[in-house]
Amino acid sequence: MAATTTHGTNMTAPTRRVASRCPVVKSGVLGVAIKETSWNSLKSLSCVSSREPLMPSLSASRGSSVKGVTRAMSAAAAKPTLPGLPVDLRGKRAFIAGVADDNGYGWAISKSLAAAGAEILVGTWVPALNIFETSLRRGKFDETRVLPDGSLMEIAKVYPLDAVYDNPAEVPEDVKTNKRYSGSSKWTVQEVAESIKEDFGTIDILVHSLANGPEVHKPLLETSRNGYLAAVSASSYSFISLLKHFLPIMNPEGATISLTYIASEKIIPGYGGGMSSAKSALESDTRVLAFESGRKHNVRVNTISAGPLRSRAAKAIGFIDMMIDYSLVNAPLQKELSAEEVGNVAAFLCSPLASAITGSVIYVDNGLNSMGVGVDSPTFAGLDIPKQK
């Protein structure tokens, strides 16, 4: 049954861009210090355009808790300037695919991009769309929407998305008629890209925060062919599909980010069903796509290998608490990883400060990837293992 309702929800009013008249810097600058400040004697390495709303934020009228539309480094702009290199994404527009709640990496990346000034669009899995939009509208996410300057992250539009399907012709009839998809339309990758082009024209940043393995609880030897292919389709090929359809509407010097996991290169018992294979494929694809996207579109492609997080998706696997405990004991930095730390690295990678980084796997896991053994093993009981004081 074909859906006929609207394909997305507007959360803020559209914006128009005003050309910036920043002076051009002719000399290069070495070194990076990520701060929410601007510099005194040096000018911005990239002169991005500013944005000016055509009308007040629609969501700002919902209640007094909304302190204002996100503006890049607004707090810093009101203070005396300090030397440094800010992560400045003002005038940039980002689409984050795979945001369905407020406690995963997709949400954290959205917040960091918004804090740096980017306009935020999100794609939400169709069956989770109503719950997500309702929670957002009723203010259930307001506490986690707070940005460093005290304002709330605004989402310009929420799009229904199922990245397993490239276009309407590929959607099986049983999915089209599934009640979880009723009320939504234009949710395949091709259709979402077309809708964003119609609504906003172009984007600058594309984030892939999607993964699914229907047989993730099964060891690889017990994984069916269909389960394995489903994991690869949803977790790695979906990134290829997003790039294929979104690159034509991405501005030159744009950036893309995906999320991977250390199971791509190390054995993580319990992370089965072909998910480790899918993450390996994603990292390999990152390198190839960086070459193709860079040569054809001048767009950078990187992936972040993030440490364990107590997100709802990770809890579904069933051993996330054990992985966090393992990391706390064995990683060089003995602290629990926060989603914000991953979000901040994503913002840096999407900024002009990372203009020469592409085709890379960036580890944000407290250094766990560098360990060859688990130092909590009884085998090392007699060694003088450094511990955090």
Protein backbone atom coordinates (compact mmCIF):
# COMPACT_ATOMS: atom_id res chain seq x y z
CA MET A 1 0.00 0.00 0.00
CA ALA A 2 1.57 3.22 -1.10
CA ALA A 3 2.07 5.85 1.53
CA THR A 4 0.73 9.30 0.79
CA THR A 5 1.64 11.43 3.79
CA THR A 6 4.43 13.94 4.05
CA HIS A 7 7.95 12.59 3.94
CA GLY A 8 9.53 14.70 6.65
CA THR A 9 8.97 17.00 9.57
CA ASN A 10 10.16 20.60 9.68
CA MET A 11 11.64 21.51 13.06
CA THR A 12 12.93 24.99 12.18
CA ALA A 13 12.36 27.47 9.44
CA PRO A 14 14.46 27.33 6.27
CA THR A 15 17.44 29.62 6.16
CA ARG A 16 19.09 31.63 3.44
CA ARG A 17 22.79 32.14 3.10
CA VAL A 18 24.53 35.47 3.14
CA ALA A 19 27.91 35.73 1.51
CA SER A 20 30.76 36.31 3.93
CA ARG A 21 33.36 39.01 3.33
CA CYS A 22 36.20 37.52 5.33
CA PRO A 23 39.73 38.43 4.25
CA VAL A 24 41.78 35.64 2.69
CA VAL A 25 44.78 34.32 4.57
CA LYS A 26 47.78 33.85 2.32
CA SER A 27 50.14 32.26 4.79
CA GLY A 28 49.75 28.77 6.19
CA VAL A 29 49.26 27.89 9.86
CA LEU A 30 50.73 24.81 11.53
CA GLY A 31 49.30 23.13 14.61
CA VAL A 32 45.75 22.58 15.80
CA ALA A 33 44.11 23.70 19.03
CA ILE A 34 40.41 22.90 19.03
CA LYS A 35 38.67 25.59 21.05
CA GLU A 36 35.36 27.39 20.77
CA THR A 37 37.12 30.68 20.19
CA SER A 38 38.31 32.78 17.31
CA TRP A 39 41.80 34.11 16.92
CA ASN A 40 43.11 37.62 17.24
CA SER A 41 45.86 38.17 14.75
CA LEU A 42 45.12 35.31 12.38
CA LYS A 43 42.06 35.07 10.20
CA SER A 44 40.03 31.95 9.47
CA LEU A 45 41.63 29.45 7.16
CA SER A 46 38.25 28.96 5.52
CA CYS A 47 35.90 31.84 4.91
CA VAL A 48 32.48 30.21 5.24
CA SER A 49 29.21 32.00 4.68
CA SER A 50 26.96 33.04 7.53
CA ARG A 51 23.29 32.28 7.84
CA GLU A 52 20.36 34.56 8.51
CA PRO A 53 16.89 33.15 9.30
CA LEU A 54 14.00 34.20 7.09
CA MET A 55 11.62 33.83 10.04
CA PRO A 56 11.87 32.99 13.75
CA SER A 57 12.41 29.37 14.74
CA LEU A 58 9.13 27.49 14.76
CA SER A 59 10.25 25.28 17.61
CA ALA A 60 11.40 28.19 19.74
CA SER A 61 7.79 29.07 20.47
CA ARG A 62 7.05 25.72 22.10
CA GLY A 63 8.19 26.78 25.53
CA SER A 64 10.51 28.89 27.56
CA SER A 65 13.04 26.07 27.81
CA VAL A 66 14.16 26.72 24.24
CA LYS A 67 16.91 29.29 24.61
CA GLY A 68 17.57 29.95 20.96
CA VAL A 69 18.50 28.50 17.62
CA THR A 70 21.95 27.00 17.48
CA ARG A 71 24.54 29.47 16.32
CA ALA A 72 28.17 28.64 15.74
CA MET A 73 30.36 29.65 18.63
CA SER A 74 27.82 32.24 19.73
CA ALA A 75 29.23 32.34 23.25
CA ALA A 76 32.73 32.89 21.92
CA ALA A 77 31.53 35.73 19.69
CA ALA A 78 30.36 37.66 22.75
CA LYS A 79 33.70 37.34 24.54
CA PRO A 80 37.08 38.87 23.81
CA THR A 81 38.84 36.98 21.06
CA LEU A 82 41.60 34.55 21.97
CA PRO A 83 44.34 33.05 19.84
CA GLY A 84 43.64 29.57 18.50
CA LEU A 85 42.01 27.54 15.75
CA PRO A 86 38.26 27.09 16.18
CA VAL A 87 36.19 24.29 14.71
CA ASP A 88 33.97 26.59 12.67
CA LEU A 89 31.15 25.05 10.61
CA ARG A 90 28.99 28.14 10.25
CA GLY A 91 27.23 28.15 6.89
CA LYS A 92 27.55 24.37 6.56
CA ARG A 93 24.65 21.93 6.35
CA ALA A 94 24.91 18.35 7.65
CA PHE A 95 22.76 15.27 7.10
CA ILE A 96 23.17 12.63 9.80
CA ALA A 97 21.73 9.25 8.80
CA GLY A 98 20.82 6.99 11.70
CA VAL A 99 19.53 9.17 14.55
CA ALA A 100 16.65 7.48 16.37
CA ASP A 101 17.15 8.59 19.98
CA ASP A 102 19.25 10.93 22.09
CA ASN A 103 21.89 8.61 23.54
CA GLY A 104 23.83 7.24 20.57
CA TYR A 105 26.81 8.42 18.59
CA GLY A 106 24.58 9.83 15.84
CA TRP A 107 22.94 12.22 18.31
CA ALA A 108 26.30 13.20 19.83
CA ILE A 109 27.76 13.94 16.40
CA SER A 110 24.72 16.03 15.54
CA LYS A 111 25.22 18.07 18.72
CA SER A 112 28.90 18.68 18.10
CA LEU A 113 28.26 19.73 14.51
CA ALA A 114 25.48 22.04 15.71
CA ALA A 115 27.73 23.50 18.41
CA ALA A 116 30.25 24.33 15.67
CA GLY A 117 27.52 26.11 13.70
CA ALA A 118 26.27 23.56 11.19
CA GLU A 119 22.61 23.30 10.21
CA ILE A 120 21.34 19.84 11.15
CA LEU A 121 19.17 17.46 9.13
CA VAL A 122 18.66 13.89 10.31
CA GLY A 123 17.47 10.63 8.82
CA THR A 124 15.55 8.30 11.14
CA TRP A 125 14.69 4.66 10.55
CA VAL A 126 11.07 4.60 9.43
CA PRO A 127 9.67 2.31 12.19
CA ALA A 128 11.26 4.57 14.83
CA LEU A 129 10.20 7.85 13.20
CA ASN A 130 6.97 8.54 15.10
CA ILE A 131 8.51 7.89 18.51
CA PHE A 132 11.54 10.04 17.72
CA GLU A 133 9.51 12.97 16.39
CA THR A 134 7.05 12.78 19.26
CA SER A 135 9.82 12.75 21.85
CA LEU A 136 11.54 15.67 20.13
CA ARG A 137 8.33 17.68 19.89
CA ARG A 138 7.32 17.09 23.51
CA GLY A 139 10.69 18.18 24.83
CA LYS A 140 11.84 14.79 26.08
CA PHE A 141 15.24 15.40 24.50
CA ASP A 142 15.61 18.98 25.72
CA GLU A 143 18.03 18.09 28.50
CA THR A 144 20.36 16.34 26.06
CA ARG A 145 19.91 19.05 23.40
CA VAL A 146 21.75 21.66 25.46
CA LEU A 147 24.83 23.02 23.70
CA PRO A 148 27.94 24.54 25.31
CA ASP A 149 26.55 28.08 24.95
CA GLY A 150 23.29 27.14 26.71
CA SER A 151 21.12 27.09 23.58
CA LEU A 152 19.32 23.98 22.37
CA MET A 153 20.33 22.05 19.29
CA GLU A 154 17.78 22.59 16.56
CA ILE A 155 17.01 20.04 13.86
CA ALA A 156 15.92 21.75 10.66
CA LYS A 157 14.17 18.66 9.35
CA VAL A 158 13.70 14.97 10.14
CA TYR A 159 13.51 12.59 7.19
CA PRO A 160 12.28 9.00 7.27
CA LEU A 161 15.04 6.73 5.99
CA ASP A 162 15.68 3.05 5.43
CA ALA A 163 19.16 2.83 3.94
CA VAL A 164 18.74 -0.85 3.09
CA TYR A 165 16.79 0.19 0.01
CA ASP A 166 18.36 2.36 -2.70
CA ASN A 167 15.18 3.24 -4.58
CA PRO A 168 11.42 2.45 -4.57
CA ALA A 169 11.79 -0.34 -7.14
CA GLU A 170 13.90 -2.35 -4.66
CA VAL A 171 11.35 -2.26 -1.83
CA PRO A 172 9.57 -5.63 -1.44
CA GLU A 173 5.80 -5.60 -1.35
CA ASP A 174 5.67 -6.95 2.21
CA VAL A 175 7.72 -3.94 3.38
CA LYS A 176 5.59 -1.45 1.44
CA THR A 177 2.47 -2.79 3.12
CA ASN A 178 4.02 -3.24 6.57
CA LYS A 179 2.14 -1.16 9.14
CA ARG A 180 5.44 0.10 10.58
CA TYR A 181 6.02 1.93 7.29
CA SER A 182 2.50 3.25 6.85
CA GLY A 183 2.18 7.00 7.02
CA SER A 184 5.65 7.60 5.61
CA SER A 185 6.82 8.02 2.05
CA LYS A 186 9.97 8.82 0.09
CA TRP A 187 12.24 7.01 2.54
CA THR A 188 14.65 5.13 0.24
CA VAL A 189 18.17 6.53 -0.12
CA GLN A 190 17.52 7.97 -3.57
CA GLU A 191 14.26 9.60 -2.50
CA VAL A 192 15.75 11.16 0.64
CA ALA A 193 18.60 12.66 -1.39
CA GLU A 194 16.06 14.05 -3.86
CA SER A 195 13.92 15.47 -1.04
CA ILE A 196 16.88 17.20 0.57
CA LYS A 197 17.89 18.66 -2.79
CA GLU A 198 14.35 19.98 -3.24
CA ASP A 199 14.13 21.33 0.32
CA PHE A 200 17.64 22.71 0.85
CA GLY A 201 19.59 22.42 -2.40
CA THR A 202 22.92 21.10 -1.12
CA ILE A 203 24.70 19.73 1.92
CA ASP A 204 28.32 19.92 3.06
CA ILE A 205 28.54 17.06 5.56
CA LEU A 206 27.24 13.50 5.40
CA VAL A 207 27.32 11.23 8.46
CA HIS A 208 26.62 7.50 8.34
CA SER A 209 25.60 6.22 11.78
CA LEU A 210 23.89 3.01 10.70
CA ALA A 211 24.47 -0.65 11.55
CA ASN A 212 22.32 -3.73 11.87
CA GLY A 213 22.95 -7.46 12.02
CA PRO A 214 19.87 -9.64 12.46
CA GLU A 215 22.05 -12.57 13.61
CA VAL A 216 24.59 -10.62 15.64
CA HIS A 217 24.19 -13.05 18.56
CA LYS A 218 25.33 -16.00 16.44
CA PRO A 219 28.98 -17.03 16.01
CA LEU A 220 30.21 -16.53 12.48
CA LEU A 221 30.21 -20.29 11.82
CA GLU A 222 26.52 -20.40 12.68
CA THR A 223 25.53 -17.32 10.70
CA SER A 224 23.30 -17.92 7.70
CA ARG A 225 24.07 -16.53 4.27
CA ASN A 226 21.05 -14.25 4.47
CA GLY A 227 22.03 -13.03 7.94
CA TYR A 228 25.59 -12.30 6.81
CA LEU A 229 24.50 -10.44 3.68
CA ALA A 230 21.91 -8.48 5.68
CA ALA A 231 24.62 -7.28 8.08
CA VAL A 232 26.87 -6.17 5.22
CA SER A 233 23.97 -4.52 3.39
CA ALA A 234 22.74 -2.49 6.35
CA SER A 235 26.10 -1.72 7.93
CA SER A 236 28.52 -1.14 5.04
CA TYR A 237 26.87 -1.06 1.63
CA SER A 238 24.43 1.52 2.98
CA PHE A 239 27.38 3.92 3.23
CA ILE A 240 28.25 3.34 -0.43
CA SER A 241 24.62 3.94 -1.36
CA LEU A 242 24.45 7.16 0.64
CA LEU A 243 27.59 8.48 -1.03
CA LYS A 244 26.38 7.46 -4.47
CA HIS A 245 23.15 9.41 -4.11
CA PHE A 246 24.35 12.33 -1.97
CA LEU A 247 27.64 13.22 -3.65
CA PRO A 248 25.82 15.01 -6.50
CA ILE A 249 24.28 17.41 -3.96
CA MET A 250 27.39 17.83 -1.80
CA ASN A 251 29.38 21.03 -2.10
CA PRO A 252 33.08 20.76 -3.01
CA GLU A 253 35.38 20.41 0.00
CA GLY A 254 32.64 18.55 1.83
CA ALA A 255 33.25 15.74 4.30
CA THR A 256 31.72 12.40 5.18
CA ILE A 257 32.01 10.33 8.36
CA SER A 258 31.04 6.75 9.18
CA LEU A 259 31.37 4.74 12.40
CA THR A 260 33.27 1.50 12.75
CA TYR A 261 34.40 -0.75 15.60
CA ILE A 262 37.59 -2.53 16.63
CA ALA A 263 35.95 -5.89 15.81
CA SER A 264 36.85 -5.08 12.20
CA GLU A 265 40.46 -6.05 12.94
CA LYS A 266 40.46 -7.87 16.30
CA ILE A 267 38.45 -10.83 17.55
CA ILE A 268 35.55 -9.70 19.75
CA PRO A 269 33.60 -12.81 20.87
CA GLY A 270 29.88 -12.09 20.89
CA TYR A 271 30.02 -9.59 18.02
CA GLY A 272 28.86 -12.09 15.43
CA GLY A 273 26.39 -12.51 12.62
CA GLY A 274 28.79 -11.03 10.08
CA MET A 275 29.01 -7.67 11.87
CA SER A 276 32.80 -7.89 12.21
CA SER A 277 32.98 -8.59 8.48
CA ALA A 278 30.71 -5.63 7.75
CA LYS A 279 32.94 -3.28 9.76
CA SER A 280 36.02 -4.58 7.95
CA ALA A 281 34.30 -3.91 4.65
CA LEU A 282 33.34 -0.42 5.81
CA GLU A 283 36.96 0.43 6.62
CA SER A 284 38.21 -0.92 3.30
CA ASP A 285 35.46 0.97 1.47
CA THR A 286 36.50 4.15 3.29
CA ARG A 287 39.88 4.07 1.57
CA VAL A 288 38.50 3.33 -1.89
CA LEU A 289 35.67 5.85 -1.56
CA ALA A 290 38.12 8.49 -0.35
CA PHE A 291 39.99 8.13 -3.64
CA GLU A 292 36.90 8.12 -5.84
CA SER A 293 35.04 10.86 -3.96
CA GLY A 294 38.13 12.99 -3.66
CA ARG A 295 39.01 12.80 -7.34
CA LYS A 296 35.47 13.21 -8.68
CA HIS A 297 33.85 15.54 -6.14
CA ASN A 298 36.60 16.94 -3.87
CA VAL A 299 34.87 15.35 -0.87
CA ARG A 300 36.73 13.71 2.03
CA VAL A 301 35.81 10.28 3.44
CA ASN A 302 36.84 9.10 6.91
CA THR A 303 35.59 6.66 9.52
CA ILE A 304 35.76 6.79 13.31
CA SER A 305 36.51 3.59 15.22
CA ALA A 306 34.63 4.35 18.41
CA GLY A 307 34.93 2.57 21.70
CA PRO A 308 32.02 0.90 23.52
CA LEU A 309 29.07 3.09 24.53
CA ARG A 310 25.94 2.26 26.50
CA SER A 311 23.62 3.19 23.67
CA ARG A 312 20.28 1.45 23.14
CA ALA A 313 21.61 -0.20 20.00
CA ALA A 314 24.70 -1.52 21.77
CA LYS A 315 22.67 -2.81 24.71
CA ALA A 316 20.73 -4.98 22.26
CA ILE A 317 23.91 -6.95 21.57
CA GLY A 318 23.96 -7.97 25.22
CA PHE A 319 27.59 -7.64 26.33
CA ILE A 320 28.21 -3.91 26.14
CA ASP A 321 28.71 -3.55 29.92
CA MET A 322 31.44 -6.20 29.83
CA MET A 323 33.20 -4.39 26.95
CA ILE A 324 33.09 -1.10 28.84
CA ASP A 325 34.49 -2.75 31.98
CA TYR A 326 37.21 -4.40 29.89
CA SER A 327 38.16 -1.07 28.35
CA LEU A 328 38.28 0.65 31.74
CA VAL A 329 40.79 -1.90 33.01
CA ASN A 330 42.91 -2.39 29.89
CA ALA A 331 42.91 0.85 27.86
CA PRO A 332 45.76 3.36 28.28
CA LEU A 333 43.24 5.94 29.47
CA GLN A 334 41.24 4.49 32.36
CA LYS A 335 37.95 6.30 31.94
CA GLU A 336 34.61 5.59 30.34
CA LEU A 337 34.29 6.93 26.82
CA SER A 338 31.59 9.55 26.30
CA ALA A 339 29.55 10.00 23.14
CA GLU A 340 30.52 13.68 23.17
CA GLU A 341 34.18 12.77 22.69
CA VAL A 342 33.31 10.95 19.48
CA GLY A 343 31.06 13.80 18.39
CA ASN A 344 33.84 16.35 18.87
CA VAL A 345 36.28 14.33 16.77
CA ALA A 346 33.64 14.08 14.04
CA ALA A 347 33.20 17.86 14.09
CA PHE A 348 36.96 18.31 13.73
CA LEU A 349 37.13 15.84 10.83
CA CYS A 350 34.31 17.68 9.06
CA SER A 351 35.95 21.06 9.54
CA PRO A 352 38.54 22.86 7.40
CA LEU A 353 41.10 22.06 10.12
CA ALA A 354 41.10 18.47 8.81
CA SER A 355 41.23 19.46 5.15
CA ALA A 356 44.10 17.04 4.39
CA ILE A 357 42.67 14.01 6.23
CA THR A 358 40.83 11.47 4.09
CA GLY A 359 40.72 7.69 3.74
CA SER A 360 41.58 7.30 7.42
CA VAL A 361 40.35 5.25 10.35
CA ILE A 362 40.44 7.54 13.39
CA TYR A 363 40.42 5.73 16.73
CA VAL A 364 38.41 7.32 19.52
CA ASP A 365 38.51 4.58 22.16
CA ASN A 366 40.80 5.74 24.97
CA GLY A 367 43.64 3.96 23.16
CA LEU A 368 42.25 0.44 23.52
CA ASN A 369 43.10 -0.33 19.88
CA SER A 370 46.81 -0.02 20.66
CA MET A 371 46.81 -2.85 23.22
CA GLY A 372 48.07 -6.28 22.18
CA VAL A 373 46.97 -8.05 25.35
CA GLY A 374 44.52 -7.57 28.19
CA VAL A 375 46.57 -6.53 31.19
CA ASP A 376 43.87 -7.76 33.57
CA SER A 377 44.78 -11.35 32.69
CA PRO A 378 46.10 -13.46 35.61
CA THR A 379 49.11 -14.13 33.38
CA PHE A 380 50.36 -10.61 34.10
CA ALA A 381 49.60 -10.65 37.81
CA GLY A 382 53.28 -10.49 38.69
CA LEU A 383 54.06 -7.51 36.45
CA ASP A 384 54.17 -3.93 37.63
CA ILE A 385 51.30 -2.65 35.46
CA PRO A 386 50.91 1.15 35.58
CA LYS A 387 47.58 2.24 37.00
CA GLN A 388 45.81 5.55 37.08
CA LYS A 389 46.26 7.30 40.43
